[in-house]
Amino acid sequence: MVVIRMARGGSKKRPFYNLVATDSRNRRDGRFIERVGFYNPVANANEERLRIALDRVGYWTTNGAQLSPAVARLVKDYSAKVATAA
């Protein structure tokens, strides 16, 4: 089963997460199919905190991919932000 989840990167005490589509049997930071965005929880005010390719997330979910709870929350917040900006 394909799942869209966060893969951790960055150094100690400075997390950075890639949002990836991957097989659910792969390790958290292991092999993935496609990178669909990123999340930087420690971004400064002038840095980009979150970017998601909503069209690719939609593609994967229509083909049966499941969103992890954390990614589902981020997608919901990001899509609301994009809708208000347009």
Protein backbone atom coordinates (compact mmCIF):
# COMPACT_ATOMS: atom_id res chain seq x y z
CA MET A 1 0.00 0.00 0.00
CA VAL A 2 1.25 3.50 -0.84
CA VAL A 3 1.27 6.03 1.98
CA ILE A 4 2.14 9.72 2.01
CA ARG A 5 4.16 10.48 5.13
CA MET A 6 7.02 12.59 6.45
CA ALA A 7 10.67 11.54 6.12
CA ARG A 8 12.95 13.28 8.59
CA GLY A 9 16.07 15.11 7.54
CA GLY A 10 18.17 17.91 8.95
CA SER A 11 20.61 17.85 11.80
CA LYS A 12 20.15 17.22 15.49
CA LYS A 13 17.69 19.69 17.07
CA ARG A 14 16.98 21.19 13.60
CA PRO A 15 14.35 18.90 11.99
CA PHE A 16 13.34 19.15 8.35
CA TYR A 17 10.73 16.87 6.85
CA ASN A 18 10.16 15.82 3.25
CA LEU A 19 6.62 14.76 2.39
CA VAL A 20 7.04 11.59 0.36
CA ALA A 21 4.88 8.96 -1.31
CA THR A 22 6.30 5.59 -0.36
CA ASP A 23 5.44 1.96 0.11
CA SER A 24 4.21 1.46 3.67
CA ARG A 25 6.72 -1.38 4.19
CA ASN A 26 9.74 0.89 3.65
CA ARG A 27 11.53 2.56 6.53
CA ARG A 28 10.62 6.10 7.54
CA ASP A 29 13.70 7.68 5.96
CA GLY A 30 14.24 4.94 3.37
CA ARG A 31 13.36 4.56 -0.26
CA PHE A 32 10.43 6.55 -1.60
CA ILE A 33 8.51 6.84 -4.87
CA GLU A 34 8.06 10.61 -5.10
CA ARG A 35 8.71 13.73 -3.04
CA VAL A 36 5.54 15.82 -2.92
CA GLY A 37 6.60 18.64 -0.60
CA PHE A 38 8.45 19.69 2.51
CA TYR A 39 7.78 20.97 6.04
CA ASN A 40 10.26 23.03 8.05
CA PRO A 41 8.93 23.37 11.62
CA VAL A 42 11.81 25.62 12.76
CA ALA A 43 11.66 28.09 9.85
CA ASN A 44 12.33 31.74 10.55
CA ALA A 45 9.77 34.39 9.63
CA ASN A 46 11.41 35.03 6.25
CA GLU A 47 11.80 31.36 5.30
CA GLU A 48 9.22 29.14 3.65
CA ARG A 49 7.68 26.80 6.22
CA LEU A 50 5.56 24.49 4.10
CA ARG A 51 5.18 23.64 0.43
CA ILE A 52 2.98 20.86 -0.93
CA ALA A 53 2.26 19.90 -4.52
CA LEU A 54 -1.49 19.48 -4.04
CA ASP A 55 -1.95 18.14 -7.58
CA ARG A 56 0.47 15.27 -6.86
CA VAL A 57 -1.13 14.56 -3.48
CA GLY A 58 -4.49 14.42 -5.26
CA TYR A 59 -3.07 12.08 -7.87
CA TRP A 60 -1.75 9.66 -5.26
CA THR A 61 -4.92 9.72 -3.16
CA THR A 62 -7.09 8.99 -6.22
CA ASN A 63 -4.83 6.00 -6.91
CA GLY A 64 -5.36 4.61 -3.40
CA ALA A 65 -2.64 6.24 -1.30
CA GLN A 66 -3.36 6.91 2.37
CA LEU A 67 -2.25 10.08 4.19
CA SER A 68 -0.60 9.79 7.57
CA PRO A 69 -2.42 11.79 10.29
CA ALA A 70 0.29 14.46 10.43
CA VAL A 71 0.37 14.86 6.64
CA ALA A 72 -3.43 15.02 6.50
CA ARG A 73 -3.34 17.93 8.97
CA LEU A 74 -0.64 19.73 6.98
CA VAL A 75 -2.49 19.24 3.67
CA LYS A 76 -5.71 20.57 5.20
CA ASP A 77 -3.97 23.69 6.55
CA TYR A 78 -2.01 24.28 3.34
CA SER A 79 -5.03 23.89 1.06
CA ALA A 80 -7.00 26.37 3.21
CA LYS A 81 -4.09 28.82 3.02
CA VAL A 82 -3.84 28.47 -0.75
CA ALA A 83 -7.61 28.92 -1.14
CA THR A 84 -7.61 32.17 0.86
CA ALA A 85 -4.58 33.52 -1.04
CA ALA A 86 -6.25 33.00 -4.43
